[in-house]
Amino acid sequence: MTRIRDFDGLIWYVRNGEIVTVGNRTQGVASSLTDITVHASEDPLVVIRVLNLVIREIDQDPQFSDSLLETPTVLGVTDITGDKMTFQISTKCVAQTQYDVIRTLRRKVKDAFDEARIRGAF
């Protein structure tokens, strides 16, 4: 019997003879998509410009030089629903380091949006 604990803490018990595929998120590369939502009335080009400024700042931050495997990318508008417009940012990091990058990205985006007077989706 093999015991596996998932990200949420749930423990799974699997008979060894039934294991045919195994994944490990703690090794190698972690790719992630981060959704950033603003009010749908905002100018998408302005939002993308601000997002790219934040990305450049994070990419040049020595704190993340060992985490980022490539410069994050703004993928553009991925959804418009009601009064919300969603943008996605793609990041590729060393496994298990992506969480600090994403948290910092969100905090810096919030600060940059406040400064640029870009309204969030409330």
PDB file of N, CA and C in Angstrom:
ATOM      1  N   MET A   1       0.855  -1.175   0.000  1.00  0.00           N
ATOM      2  CA  MET A   1       0.000   0.000   0.000  1.00  0.00           C
ATOM      3  C   MET A   1       0.901   1.238   0.000  1.00  0.00           C
ATOM      4  N   THR A   2       0.548   2.205  -0.832  1.00  0.00           N
ATOM      5  CA  THR A   2       1.267   3.475  -0.874  1.00  0.00           C
ATOM      6  C   THR A   2       0.342   4.565  -0.366  1.00  0.00           C
ATOM      7  N   ARG A   3       0.882   5.430   0.485  1.00  0.00           N
ATOM      8  CA  ARG A   3       0.122   6.544   1.062  1.00  0.00           C
ATOM      9  C   ARG A   3       0.591   7.827   0.402  1.00  0.00           C
ATOM     10  N   ILE A   4      -0.360   8.614  -0.133  1.00  0.00           N
ATOM     11  CA  ILE A   4      -0.054   9.867  -0.817  1.00  0.00           C
ATOM     12  C   ILE A   4      -0.894  10.976  -0.195  1.00  0.00           C
ATOM     13  N   ARG A   5      -0.233  12.077   0.186  1.00  0.00           N
ATOM     14  CA  ARG A   5      -0.950  13.236   0.724  1.00  0.00           C
ATOM     15  C   ARG A   5      -1.034  14.280  -0.390  1.00  0.00           C
ATOM     16  N   ASP A   6      -2.256  14.749  -0.700  1.00  0.00           N
ATOM     17  CA  ASP A   6      -2.395  15.755  -1.751  1.00  0.00           C
ATOM     18  C   ASP A   6      -2.203  17.156  -1.188  1.00  0.00           C
ATOM     19  N   PHE A   7      -2.278  18.149  -2.065  1.00  0.00           N
ATOM     20  CA  PHE A   7      -1.999  19.539  -1.705  1.00  0.00           C
ATOM     21  C   PHE A   7      -2.911  20.045  -0.585  1.00  0.00           C
ATOM     22  N   ASP A   8      -4.141  19.551  -0.555  1.00  0.00           N
ATOM     23  CA  ASP A   8      -5.099  19.983   0.463  1.00  0.00           C
ATOM     24  C   ASP A   8      -4.970  19.212   1.773  1.00  0.00           C
ATOM     25  N   GLY A   9      -4.034  18.265   1.827  1.00  0.00           N
ATOM     26  CA  GLY A   9      -3.817  17.501   3.050  1.00  0.00           C
ATOM     27  C   GLY A   9      -4.537  16.167   3.089  1.00  0.00           C
ATOM     28  N   LEU A  10      -5.372  15.881   2.099  1.00  0.00           N
ATOM     29  CA  LEU A  10      -6.104  14.623   2.045  1.00  0.00           C
ATOM     30  C   LEU A  10      -5.124  13.484   1.766  1.00  0.00           C
ATOM     31  N   ILE A  11      -5.236  12.396   2.517  1.00  0.00           N
ATOM     32  CA  ILE A  11      -4.358  11.244   2.328  1.00  0.00           C
ATOM     33  C   ILE A  11      -5.081  10.202   1.487  1.00  0.00           C
ATOM     34  N   TRP A  12      -4.396   9.729   0.443  1.00  0.00           N
ATOM     35  CA  TRP A  12      -4.920   8.705  -0.452  1.00  0.00           C
ATOM     36  C   TRP A  12      -4.121   7.428  -0.228  1.00  0.00           C
ATOM     37  N   TYR A  13      -4.807   6.289  -0.163  1.00  0.00           N
ATOM     38  CA  TYR A  13      -4.170   4.986  -0.041  1.00  0.00           C
ATOM     39  C   TYR A  13      -4.414   4.228  -1.338  1.00  0.00           C
ATOM     40  N   VAL A  14      -3.329   3.777  -1.958  1.00  0.00           N
ATOM     41  CA  VAL A  14      -3.428   3.091  -3.234  1.00  0.00           C
ATOM     42  C   VAL A  14      -2.630   1.789  -3.154  1.00  0.00           C
ATOM     43  N   ARG A  15      -3.241   0.703  -3.606  1.00  0.00           N
ATOM     44  CA  ARG A  15      -2.501  -0.568  -3.639  1.00  0.00           C
ATOM     45  C   ARG A  15      -1.387  -0.464  -4.683  1.00  0.00           C
ATOM     46  N   ASN A  16      -0.197  -0.918  -4.320  1.00  0.00           N
ATOM     47  CA  ASN A  16       0.967  -0.790  -5.200  1.00  0.00           C
ATOM     48  C   ASN A  16       0.738  -1.396  -6.580  1.00  0.00           C
ATOM     49  N   GLY A  17       0.006  -2.487  -6.663  1.00  0.00           N
ATOM     50  CA  GLY A  17      -0.251  -3.133  -7.948  1.00  0.00           C
ATOM     51  C   GLY A  17      -1.144  -2.306  -8.861  1.00  0.00           C
ATOM     52  N   GLU A  18      -1.833  -1.299  -8.310  1.00  0.00           N
ATOM     53  CA  GLU A  18      -2.733  -0.468  -9.108  1.00  0.00           C
ATOM     54  C   GLU A  18      -2.080   0.826  -9.581  1.00  0.00           C
ATOM     55  N   ILE A  19      -0.867   1.098  -9.138  1.00  0.00           N
ATOM     56  CA  ILE A  19      -0.183   2.333  -9.529  1.00  0.00           C
ATOM     57  C   ILE A  19       0.433   2.135 -10.907  1.00  0.00           C
ATOM     58  N   VAL A  20      -0.027   2.927 -11.879  1.00  0.00           N
ATOM     59  CA  VAL A  20       0.528   2.847 -13.228  1.00  0.00           C
ATOM     60  C   VAL A  20       1.127   4.179 -13.676  1.00  0.00           C
ATOM     61  N   THR A  21       0.679   5.280 -13.084  1.00  0.00           N
ATOM     62  CA  THR A  21       1.187   6.592 -13.448  1.00  0.00           C
ATOM     63  C   THR A  21       1.367   7.416 -12.185  1.00  0.00           C
ATOM     64  N   VAL A  22       2.477   8.132 -12.132  1.00  0.00           N
ATOM     65  CA  VAL A  22       2.760   8.975 -10.972  1.00  0.00           C
ATOM     66  C   VAL A  22       3.187  10.348 -11.472  1.00  0.00           C
ATOM     67  N   GLY A  23       2.679  11.402 -10.849  1.00  0.00           N
ATOM     68  CA  GLY A  23       3.092  12.763 -11.146  1.00  0.00           C
ATOM     69  C   GLY A  23       3.721  13.380  -9.916  1.00  0.00           C
ATOM     70  N   ASN A  24       4.673  14.279 -10.131  1.00  0.00           N
ATOM     71  CA  ASN A  24       5.346  14.933  -9.014  1.00  0.00           C
ATOM     72  C   ASN A  24       5.478  16.413  -9.318  1.00  0.00           C
ATOM     73  N   ARG A  25       4.757  17.230  -8.566  1.00  0.00           N
ATOM     74  CA  ARG A  25       4.792  18.673  -8.777  1.00  0.00           C
ATOM     75  C   ARG A  25       5.954  19.359  -8.067  1.00  0.00           C
ATOM     76  N   THR A  26       6.741  18.629  -7.345  1.00  0.00           N
ATOM     77  CA  THR A  26       7.817  19.256  -6.580  1.00  0.00           C
ATOM     78  C   THR A  26       9.150  19.190  -7.305  1.00  0.00           C
ATOM     79  N   GLN A  27       9.177  18.655  -8.506  1.00  0.00           N
ATOM     80  CA  GLN A  27      10.417  18.559  -9.267  1.00  0.00           C
ATOM     81  C   GLN A  27      10.267  19.272 -10.599  1.00  0.00           C
ATOM     82  N   GLY A  28      11.320  19.898 -11.049  1.00  0.00           N
ATOM     83  CA  GLY A  28      11.338  20.452 -12.392  1.00  0.00           C
ATOM     84  C   GLY A  28      10.682  21.806 -12.521  1.00  0.00           C
ATOM     85  N   VAL A  29       9.746  21.896 -13.444  1.00  0.00           N
ATOM     86  CA  VAL A  29       9.152  23.157 -13.870  1.00  0.00           C
ATOM     87  C   VAL A  29       7.695  23.241 -13.433  1.00  0.00           C
ATOM     88  N   ALA A  30       7.286  24.438 -13.029  1.00  0.00           N
ATOM     89  CA  ALA A  30       5.879  24.689 -12.698  1.00  0.00           C
ATOM     90  C   ALA A  30       5.375  25.825 -13.586  1.00  0.00           C
ATOM     91  N   SER A  31       4.434  25.525 -14.449  1.00  0.00           N
ATOM     92  CA  SER A  31       3.792  26.543 -15.277  1.00  0.00           C
ATOM     93  C   SER A  31       2.476  26.913 -14.624  1.00  0.00           C
ATOM     94  N   SER A  32       2.155  28.204 -14.646  1.00  0.00           N
ATOM     95  CA  SER A  32       0.898  28.617 -14.031  1.00  0.00           C
ATOM     96  C   SER A  32       0.263  29.750 -14.815  1.00  0.00           C
ATOM     97  N   LEU A  33      -1.042  29.856 -14.681  1.00  0.00           N
ATOM     98  CA  LEU A  33      -1.815  30.950 -15.252  1.00  0.00           C
ATOM     99  C   LEU A  33      -2.455  31.713 -14.107  1.00  0.00           C
ATOM    100  N   THR A  34      -2.284  33.023 -14.122  1.00  0.00           N
ATOM    101  CA  THR A  34      -2.853  33.864 -13.082  1.00  0.00           C
ATOM    102  C   THR A  34      -3.893  34.777 -13.720  1.00  0.00           C
ATOM    103  N   ASP A  35      -5.122  34.718 -13.218  1.00  0.00           N
ATOM    104  CA  ASP A  35      -6.191  35.589 -13.712  1.00  0.00           C
ATOM    105  C   ASP A  35      -6.150  36.919 -12.984  1.00  0.00           C
ATOM    106  N   ILE A  36      -6.257  37.993 -13.752  1.00  0.00           N
ATOM    107  CA  ILE A  36      -6.345  39.354 -13.219  1.00  0.00           C
ATOM    108  C   ILE A  36      -7.628  39.945 -13.786  1.00  0.00           C
ATOM    109  N   THR A  37      -8.532  40.335 -12.913  1.00  0.00           N
ATOM    110  CA  THR A  37      -9.845  40.809 -13.348  1.00  0.00           C
ATOM    111  C   THR A  37     -10.001  42.296 -13.054  1.00  0.00           C
ATOM    112  N   VAL A  38     -10.505  43.017 -14.036  1.00  0.00           N
ATOM    113  CA  VAL A  38     -10.770  44.448 -13.895  1.00  0.00           C
ATOM    114  C   VAL A  38     -12.192  44.728 -14.357  1.00  0.00           C
ATOM    115  N   HIS A  39     -12.630  45.951 -14.131  1.00  0.00           N
ATOM    116  CA  HIS A  39     -13.950  46.358 -14.612  1.00  0.00           C
ATOM    117  C   HIS A  39     -13.930  46.373 -16.135  1.00  0.00           C
ATOM    118  N   ALA A  40     -14.992  45.912 -16.760  1.00  0.00           N
ATOM    119  CA  ALA A  40     -15.051  45.770 -18.213  1.00  0.00           C
ATOM    120  C   ALA A  40     -14.951  47.098 -18.956  1.00  0.00           C
ATOM    121  N   SER A  41     -15.154  48.216 -18.283  1.00  0.00           N
ATOM    122  CA  SER A  41     -15.068  49.511 -18.954  1.00  0.00           C
ATOM    123  C   SER A  41     -13.623  50.001 -19.110  1.00  0.00           C
ATOM    124  N   GLU A  42     -12.672  49.309 -18.498  1.00  0.00           N
ATOM    125  CA  GLU A  42     -11.275  49.729 -18.600  1.00  0.00           C
ATOM    126  C   GLU A  42     -10.739  49.466 -20.014  1.00  0.00           C
ATOM    127  N   ASP A  43      -9.775  50.275 -20.424  1.00  0.00           N
ATOM    128  CA  ASP A  43      -9.144  50.138 -21.733  1.00  0.00           C
ATOM    129  C   ASP A  43      -8.169  48.950 -21.687  1.00  0.00           C
ATOM    130  N   PRO A  44      -8.413  47.905 -22.476  1.00  0.00           N
ATOM    131  CA  PRO A  44      -7.541  46.731 -22.426  1.00  0.00           C
ATOM    132  C   PRO A  44      -6.073  47.051 -22.726  1.00  0.00           C
ATOM    133  N   LEU A  45      -5.823  47.984 -23.622  1.00  0.00           N
ATOM    134  CA  LEU A  45      -4.440  48.328 -23.960  1.00  0.00           C
ATOM    135  C   LEU A  45      -3.717  48.968 -22.777  1.00  0.00           C
ATOM    136  N   VAL A  46      -4.433  49.774 -22.012  1.00  0.00           N
ATOM    137  CA  VAL A  46      -3.846  50.391 -20.821  1.00  0.00           C
ATOM    138  C   VAL A  46      -3.571  49.327 -19.768  1.00  0.00           C
ATOM    139  N   VAL A  47      -4.523  48.421 -19.581  1.00  0.00           N
ATOM    140  CA  VAL A  47      -4.345  47.352 -18.596  1.00  0.00           C
ATOM    141  C   VAL A  47      -3.144  46.493 -18.969  1.00  0.00           C
ATOM    142  N   ILE A  48      -3.022  46.115 -20.226  1.00  0.00           N
ATOM    143  CA  ILE A  48      -1.896  45.294 -20.669  1.00  0.00           C
ATOM    144  C   ILE A  48      -0.575  46.035 -20.478  1.00  0.00           C
ATOM    145  N   ARG A  49      -0.563  47.336 -20.761  1.00  0.00           N
ATOM    146  CA  ARG A  49       0.660  48.130 -20.564  1.00  0.00           C
ATOM    147  C   ARG A  49       1.085  48.099 -19.106  1.00  0.00           C
ATOM    148  N   VAL A  50       0.142  48.287 -18.182  1.00  0.00           N
ATOM    149  CA  VAL A  50       0.450  48.266 -16.746  1.00  0.00           C
ATOM    150  C   VAL A  50       0.901  46.868 -16.317  1.00  0.00           C
ATOM    151  N   LEU A  51       0.228  45.832 -16.798  1.00  0.00           N
ATOM    152  CA  LEU A  51       0.627  44.466 -16.465  1.00  0.00           C
ATOM    153  C   LEU A  51       2.056  44.187 -16.943  1.00  0.00           C
ATOM    154  N   ASN A  52       2.397  44.650 -18.132  1.00  0.00           N
ATOM    155  CA  ASN A  52       3.750  44.437 -18.643  1.00  0.00           C
ATOM    156  C   ASN A  52       4.798  45.188 -17.819  1.00  0.00           C
ATOM    157  N   LEU A  53       4.450  46.357 -17.303  1.00  0.00           N
ATOM    158  CA  LEU A  53       5.376  47.081 -16.422  1.00  0.00           C
ATOM    159  C   LEU A  53       5.643  46.282 -15.148  1.00  0.00           C
ATOM    160  N   VAL A  54       4.585  45.714 -14.582  1.00  0.00           N
ATOM    161  CA  VAL A  54       4.736  44.905 -13.364  1.00  0.00           C
ATOM    162  C   VAL A  54       5.576  43.664 -13.658  1.00  0.00           C
ATOM    163  N   ILE A  55       5.304  43.018 -14.777  1.00  0.00           N
ATOM    164  CA  ILE A  55       6.066  41.830 -15.154  1.00  0.00           C
ATOM    165  C   ILE A  55       7.545  42.157 -15.304  1.00  0.00           C
ATOM    166  N   ARG A  56       7.843  43.261 -15.946  1.00  0.00           N
ATOM    167  CA  ARG A  56       9.234  43.667 -16.135  1.00  0.00           C
ATOM    168  C   ARG A  56       9.910  43.879 -14.783  1.00  0.00           C
ATOM    169  N   GLU A  57       9.185  44.506 -13.862  1.00  0.00           N
ATOM    170  CA  GLU A  57       9.724  44.754 -12.518  1.00  0.00           C
ATOM    171  C   GLU A  57      10.032  43.432 -11.794  1.00  0.00           C
ATOM    172  N   ILE A  58       9.121  42.486 -11.875  1.00  0.00           N
ATOM    173  CA  ILE A  58       9.332  41.190 -11.225  1.00  0.00           C
ATOM    174  C   ILE A  58      10.463  40.424 -11.902  1.00  0.00           C
ATOM    175  N   ASP A  59      10.510  40.472 -13.221  1.00  0.00           N
ATOM    176  CA  ASP A  59      11.539  39.760 -13.965  1.00  0.00           C
ATOM    177  C   ASP A  59      12.938  40.277 -13.624  1.00  0.00           C
ATOM    178  N   GLN A  60      13.049  41.559 -13.304  1.00  0.00           N
ATOM    179  CA  GLN A  60      14.350  42.157 -12.997  1.00  0.00           C
ATOM    180  C   GLN A  60      14.674  42.136 -11.503  1.00  0.00           C
ATOM    181  N   ASP A  61      13.748  41.640 -10.687  1.00  0.00           N
ATOM    182  CA  ASP A  61      13.954  41.590  -9.243  1.00  0.00           C
ATOM    183  C   ASP A  61      14.882  40.426  -8.893  1.00  0.00           C
ATOM    184  N   PRO A  62      16.026  40.709  -8.248  1.00  0.00           N
ATOM    185  CA  PRO A  62      16.960  39.632  -7.883  1.00  0.00           C
ATOM    186  C   PRO A  62      16.328  38.560  -6.994  1.00  0.00           C
ATOM    187  N   GLN A  63      15.287  38.932  -6.268  1.00  0.00           N
ATOM    188  CA  GLN A  63      14.599  37.968  -5.398  1.00  0.00           C
ATOM    189  C   GLN A  63      14.060  36.780  -6.192  1.00  0.00           C
ATOM    190  N   PHE A  64      13.725  36.999  -7.467  1.00  0.00           N
ATOM    191  CA  PHE A  64      13.113  35.951  -8.279  1.00  0.00           C
ATOM    192  C   PHE A  64      14.036  35.403  -9.369  1.00  0.00           C
ATOM    193  N   SER A  65      15.299  35.784  -9.355  1.00  0.00           N
ATOM    194  CA  SER A  65      16.221  35.335 -10.408  1.00  0.00           C
ATOM    195  C   SER A  65      16.415  33.819 -10.409  1.00  0.00           C
ATOM    196  N   ASP A  66      16.321  33.191  -9.245  1.00  0.00           N
ATOM    197  CA  ASP A  66      16.458  31.731  -9.182  1.00  0.00           C
ATOM    198  C   ASP A  66      15.125  31.009  -9.371  1.00  0.00           C
ATOM    199  N   SER A  67      14.021  31.762  -9.389  1.00  0.00           N
ATOM    200  CA  SER A  67      12.689  31.159  -9.510  1.00  0.00           C
ATOM    201  C   SER A  67      12.176  31.174 -10.943  1.00  0.00           C
ATOM    202  N   LEU A  68      12.257  32.319 -11.593  1.00  0.00           N
ATOM    203  CA  LEU A  68      11.704  32.463 -12.941  1.00  0.00           C
ATOM    204  C   LEU A  68      12.589  31.779 -13.972  1.00  0.00           C
ATOM    205  N   LEU A  69      11.999  30.924 -14.785  1.00  0.00           N
ATOM    206  CA  LEU A  69      12.726  30.269 -15.863  1.00  0.00           C
ATOM    207  C   LEU A  69      12.624  31.047 -17.159  1.00  0.00           C
ATOM    208  N   GLU A  70      11.598  31.891 -17.250  1.00  0.00           N
ATOM    209  CA  GLU A  70      11.453  32.802 -18.387  1.00  0.00           C
ATOM    210  C   GLU A  70      10.581  33.967 -17.956  1.00  0.00           C
ATOM    211  N   THR A  71      10.636  35.042 -18.714  1.00  0.00           N
ATOM    212  CA  THR A  71       9.854  36.223 -18.383  1.00  0.00           C
ATOM    213  C   THR A  71       8.367  35.895 -18.469  1.00  0.00           C
ATOM    214  N   PRO A  72       7.582  36.235 -17.435  1.00  0.00           N
ATOM    215  CA  PRO A  72       6.129  36.025 -17.522  1.00  0.00           C
ATOM    216  C   PRO A  72       5.549  36.744 -18.742  1.00  0.00           C
ATOM    217  N   THR A  73       4.409  36.260 -19.189  1.00  0.00           N
ATOM    218  CA  THR A  73       3.789  36.790 -20.401  1.00  0.00           C
ATOM    219  C   THR A  73       2.332  37.127 -20.149  1.00  0.00           C
ATOM    220  N   VAL A  74       1.909  38.316 -20.589  1.00  0.00           N
ATOM    221  CA  VAL A  74       0.485  38.668 -20.559  1.00  0.00           C
ATOM    222  C   VAL A  74      -0.142  38.032 -21.789  1.00  0.00           C
ATOM    223  N   LEU A  75      -1.103  37.140 -21.571  1.00  0.00           N
ATOM    224  CA  LEU A  75      -1.748  36.443 -22.678  1.00  0.00           C
ATOM    225  C   LEU A  75      -2.878  37.259 -23.287  1.00  0.00           C
ATOM    226  N   GLY A  76      -3.294  38.316 -22.600  1.00  0.00           N
ATOM    227  CA  GLY A  76      -4.350  39.178 -23.106  1.00  0.00           C
ATOM    228  C   GLY A  76      -5.670  38.936 -22.401  1.00  0.00           C
ATOM    229  N   VAL A  77      -6.730  39.439 -23.016  1.00  0.00           N
ATOM    230  CA  VAL A  77      -8.080  39.288 -22.462  1.00  0.00           C
ATOM    231  C   VAL A  77      -8.537  37.856 -22.708  1.00  0.00           C
ATOM    232  N   THR A  78      -8.883  37.159 -21.655  1.00  0.00           N
ATOM    233  CA  THR A  78      -9.324  35.770 -21.796  1.00  0.00           C
ATOM    234  C   THR A  78     -10.811  35.593 -21.531  1.00  0.00           C
ATOM    235  N   ASP A  79     -11.451  36.640 -20.989  1.00  0.00           N
ATOM    236  CA  ASP A  79     -12.884  36.527 -20.728  1.00  0.00           C
ATOM    237  C   ASP A  79     -13.469  37.908 -20.478  1.00  0.00           C
ATOM    238  N   ILE A  80     -14.680  38.115 -20.946  1.00  0.00           N
ATOM    239  CA  ILE A  80     -15.470  39.304 -20.599  1.00  0.00           C
ATOM    240  C   ILE A  80     -16.853  38.792 -20.238  1.00  0.00           C
ATOM    241  N   THR A  81     -17.217  38.982 -18.979  1.00  0.00           N
ATOM    242  CA  THR A  81     -18.510  38.524 -18.491  1.00  0.00           C
ATOM    243  C   THR A  81     -19.132  39.645 -17.681  1.00  0.00           C
ATOM    244  N   GLY A  82     -20.293  40.108 -18.126  1.00  0.00           N
ATOM    245  CA  GLY A  82     -20.970  41.186 -17.411  1.00  0.00           C
ATOM    246  C   GLY A  82     -20.085  42.409 -17.332  1.00  0.00           C
ATOM    247  N   ASP A  83     -19.781  42.836 -16.112  1.00  0.00           N
ATOM    248  CA  ASP A  83     -18.952  44.028 -15.932  1.00  0.00           C
ATOM    249  C   ASP A  83     -17.501  43.678 -15.577  1.00  0.00           C
ATOM    250  N   LYS A  84     -17.081  42.451 -15.910  1.00  0.00           N
ATOM    251  CA  LYS A  84     -15.726  42.002 -15.593  1.00  0.00           C
ATOM    252  C   LYS A  84     -14.965  41.605 -16.849  1.00  0.00           C
ATOM    253  N   MET A  85     -13.711  42.008 -16.896  1.00  0.00           N
ATOM    254  CA  MET A  85     -12.818  41.625 -17.978  1.00  0.00           C
ATOM    255  C   MET A  85     -11.608  40.946 -17.338  1.00  0.00           C
ATOM    256  N   THR A  86     -11.272  39.750 -17.813  1.00  0.00           N
ATOM    257  CA  THR A  86     -10.197  38.964 -17.218  1.00  0.00           C
ATOM    258  C   THR A  86      -9.017  38.856 -18.165  1.00  0.00           C
ATOM    259  N   PHE A  87      -7.837  39.090 -17.611  1.00  0.00           N
ATOM    260  CA  PHE A  87      -6.570  38.933 -18.323  1.00  0.00           C
ATOM    261  C   PHE A  87      -5.846  37.755 -17.683  1.00  0.00           C
ATOM    262  N   GLN A  88      -5.007  37.091 -18.457  1.00  0.00           N
ATOM    263  CA  GLN A  88      -4.194  36.015 -17.891  1.00  0.00           C
ATOM    264  C   GLN A  88      -2.721  36.309 -18.081  1.00  0.00           C
ATOM    265  N   ILE A  89      -1.956  35.926 -17.048  1.00  0.00           N
ATOM    266  CA  ILE A  89      -0.506  36.026 -17.094  1.00  0.00           C
ATOM    267  C   ILE A  89       0.041  34.615 -16.931  1.00  0.00           C
ATOM    268  N   SER A  90       0.925  34.244 -17.836  1.00  0.00           N
ATOM    269  CA  SER A  90       1.561  32.933 -17.802  1.00  0.00           C
ATOM    270  C   SER A  90       2.944  33.064 -17.170  1.00  0.00           C
ATOM    271  N   THR A  91       3.244  32.161 -16.236  1.00  0.00           N
ATOM    272  CA  THR A  91       4.576  32.143 -15.627  1.00  0.00           C
ATOM    273  C   THR A  91       5.150  30.739 -15.688  1.00  0.00           C
ATOM    274  N   LYS A  92       6.457  30.668 -15.822  1.00  0.00           N
ATOM    275  CA  LYS A  92       7.165  29.386 -15.790  1.00  0.00           C
ATOM    276  C   LYS A  92       8.284  29.538 -14.769  1.00  0.00           C
ATOM    277  N   CYS A  93       8.196  28.725 -13.718  1.00  0.00           N
ATOM    278  CA  CYS A  93       9.118  28.829 -12.586  1.00  0.00           C
ATOM    279  C   CYS A  93       9.709  27.468 -12.242  1.00  0.00           C
ATOM    280  N   VAL A  94      10.756  27.512 -11.437  1.00  0.00           N
ATOM    281  CA  VAL A  94      11.254  26.294 -10.812  1.00  0.00           C
ATOM    282  C   VAL A  94      10.134  25.789  -9.905  1.00  0.00           C
ATOM    283  N   ALA A  95       9.891  24.486  -9.930  1.00  0.00           N
ATOM    284  CA  ALA A  95       8.805  23.906  -9.140  1.00  0.00           C
ATOM    285  C   ALA A  95       8.884  24.337  -7.679  1.00  0.00           C
ATOM    286  N   GLN A  96       7.736  24.630  -7.118  1.00  0.00           N
ATOM    287  CA  GLN A  96       7.537  25.033  -5.727  1.00  0.00           C
ATOM    288  C   GLN A  96       7.944  26.476  -5.439  1.00  0.00           C
ATOM    289  N   THR A  97       8.406  27.217  -6.448  1.00  0.00           N
ATOM    290  CA  THR A  97       8.732  28.632  -6.234  1.00  0.00           C
ATOM    291  C   THR A  97       7.677  29.545  -6.842  1.00  0.00           C
ATOM    292  N   GLN A  98       6.746  28.966  -7.593  1.00  0.00           N
ATOM    293  CA  GLN A  98       5.761  29.767  -8.311  1.00  0.00           C
ATOM    294  C   GLN A  98       4.808  30.519  -7.381  1.00  0.00           C
ATOM    295  N   TYR A  99       4.591  30.008  -6.192  1.00  0.00           N
ATOM    296  CA  TYR A  99       3.614  30.623  -5.295  1.00  0.00           C
ATOM    297  C   TYR A  99       4.075  32.005  -4.829  1.00  0.00           C
ATOM    298  N   ASP A 100       5.344  32.155  -4.495  1.00  0.00           N
ATOM    299  CA  ASP A 100       5.858  33.470  -4.107  1.00  0.00           C
ATOM    300  C   ASP A 100       5.797  34.442  -5.279  1.00  0.00           C
ATOM    301  N   VAL A 101       6.115  33.958  -6.466  1.00  0.00           N
ATOM    302  CA  VAL A 101       6.066  34.804  -7.660  1.00  0.00           C
ATOM    303  C   VAL A 101       4.638  35.279  -7.901  1.00  0.00           C
ATOM    304  N   ILE A 102       3.674  34.377  -7.826  1.00  0.00           N
ATOM    305  CA  ILE A 102       2.271  34.730  -8.097  1.00  0.00           C
ATOM    306  C   ILE A 102       1.735  35.690  -7.040  1.00  0.00           C
ATOM    307  N   ARG A 103       2.041  35.437  -5.766  1.00  0.00           N
ATOM    308  CA  ARG A 103       1.579  36.349  -4.704  1.00  0.00           C
ATOM    309  C   ARG A 103       2.153  37.748  -4.896  1.00  0.00           C
ATOM    310  N   THR A 104       3.432  37.819  -5.220  1.00  0.00           N
ATOM    311  CA  THR A 104       4.069  39.120  -5.447  1.00  0.00           C
ATOM    312  C   THR A 104       3.482  39.794  -6.676  1.00  0.00           C
ATOM    313  N   LEU A 105       3.258  39.022  -7.721  1.00  0.00           N
ATOM    314  CA  LEU A 105       2.653  39.549  -8.943  1.00  0.00           C
ATOM    315  C   LEU A 105       1.297  40.184  -8.645  1.00  0.00           C
ATOM    316  N   ARG A 106       0.452  39.477  -7.917  1.00  0.00           N
ATOM    317  CA  ARG A 106      -0.884  40.007  -7.594  1.00  0.00           C
ATOM    318  C   ARG A 106      -0.802  41.280  -6.757  1.00  0.00           C
ATOM    319  N   ARG A 107       0.093  41.283  -5.766  1.00  0.00           N
ATOM    320  CA  ARG A 107       0.228  42.476  -4.913  1.00  0.00           C
ATOM    321  C   ARG A 107       0.708  43.674  -5.725  1.00  0.00           C
ATOM    322  N   LYS A 108       1.702  43.450  -6.583  1.00  0.00           N
ATOM    323  CA  LYS A 108       2.239  44.550  -7.388  1.00  0.00           C
ATOM    324  C   LYS A 108       1.235  45.029  -8.437  1.00  0.00           C
ATOM    325  N   VAL A 109       0.451  44.116  -8.981  1.00  0.00           N
ATOM    326  CA  VAL A 109      -0.593  44.506  -9.931  1.00  0.00           C
ATOM    327  C   VAL A 109      -1.621  45.379  -9.230  1.00  0.00           C
ATOM    328  N   LYS A 110      -2.022  44.998  -8.036  1.00  0.00           N
ATOM    329  CA  LYS A 110      -2.991  45.808  -7.274  1.00  0.00           C
ATOM    330  C   LYS A 110      -2.452  47.214  -7.047  1.00  0.00           C
ATOM    331  N   ASP A 111      -1.191  47.308  -6.618  1.00  0.00           N
ATOM    332  CA  ASP A 111      -0.589  48.630  -6.384  1.00  0.00           C
ATOM    333  C   ASP A 111      -0.508  49.443  -7.678  1.00  0.00           C
ATOM    334  N   ALA A 112      -0.107  48.789  -8.768  1.00  0.00           N
ATOM    335  CA  ALA A 112       0.010  49.483 -10.054  1.00  0.00           C
ATOM    336  C   ALA A 112      -1.357  49.922 -10.576  1.00  0.00           C
ATOM    337  N   PHE A 113      -2.377  49.095 -10.385  1.00  0.00           N
ATOM    338  CA  PHE A 113      -3.727  49.476 -10.791  1.00  0.00           C
ATOM    339  C   PHE A 113      -4.219  50.667  -9.984  1.00  0.00           C
ATOM    340  N   ASP A 114      -3.949  50.667  -8.692  1.00  0.00           N
ATOM    341  CA  ASP A 114      -4.347  51.813  -7.861  1.00  0.00           C
ATOM    342  C   ASP A 114      -3.690  53.091  -8.375  1.00  0.00           C
ATOM    343  N   GLU A 115      -2.388  53.005  -8.663  1.00  0.00           N
ATOM    344  CA  GLU A 115      -1.655  54.169  -9.139  1.00  0.00           C
ATOM    345  C   GLU A 115      -2.165  54.647 -10.501  1.00  0.00           C
ATOM    346  N   ALA A 116      -2.529  53.710 -11.381  1.00  0.00           N
ATOM    347  CA  ALA A 116      -3.008  54.054 -12.714  1.00  0.00           C
ATOM    348  C   ALA A 116      -4.511  54.314 -12.735  1.00  0.00           C
ATOM    349  N   ARG A 117      -5.156  54.173 -11.575  1.00  0.00           N
ATOM    350  CA  ARG A 117      -6.604  54.359 -11.453  1.00  0.00           C
ATOM    351  C   ARG A 117      -7.402  53.395 -12.327  1.00  0.00           C
ATOM    352  N   ILE A 118      -6.914  52.172 -12.370  1.00  0.00           N
ATOM    353  CA  ILE A 118      -7.624  51.102 -13.079  1.00  0.00           C
ATOM    354  C   ILE A 118      -8.532  50.424 -12.060  1.00  0.00           C
ATOM    355  N   ARG A 119      -9.805  50.381 -12.379  1.00  0.00           N
ATOM    356  CA  ARG A 119     -10.779  49.811 -11.436  1.00  0.00           C
ATOM    357  C   ARG A 119     -10.781  48.295 -11.487  1.00  0.00           C
ATOM    358  N   GLY A 120     -10.796  47.710 -10.327  1.00  0.00           N
ATOM    359  CA  GLY A 120     -10.957  46.275 -10.234  1.00  0.00           C
ATOM    360  C   GLY A 120     -12.405  45.897 -10.503  1.00  0.00           C
ATOM    361  N   ALA A 121     -12.668  44.626 -10.568  1.00  0.00           N
ATOM    362  CA  ALA A 121     -14.030  44.148 -10.816  1.00  0.00           C
ATOM    363  C   ALA A 121     -14.716  43.913  -9.490  1.00  0.00           C
ATOM    364  N   PHE A 122     -15.511  44.846  -9.062  1.00  0.00           N
ATOM    365  CA  PHE A 122     -16.227  44.723  -7.777  1.00  0.00           C
ATOM    366  C   PHE A 122     -17.697  44.559  -8.033  1.00  0.00           C
TER     367      PHE A 122
END
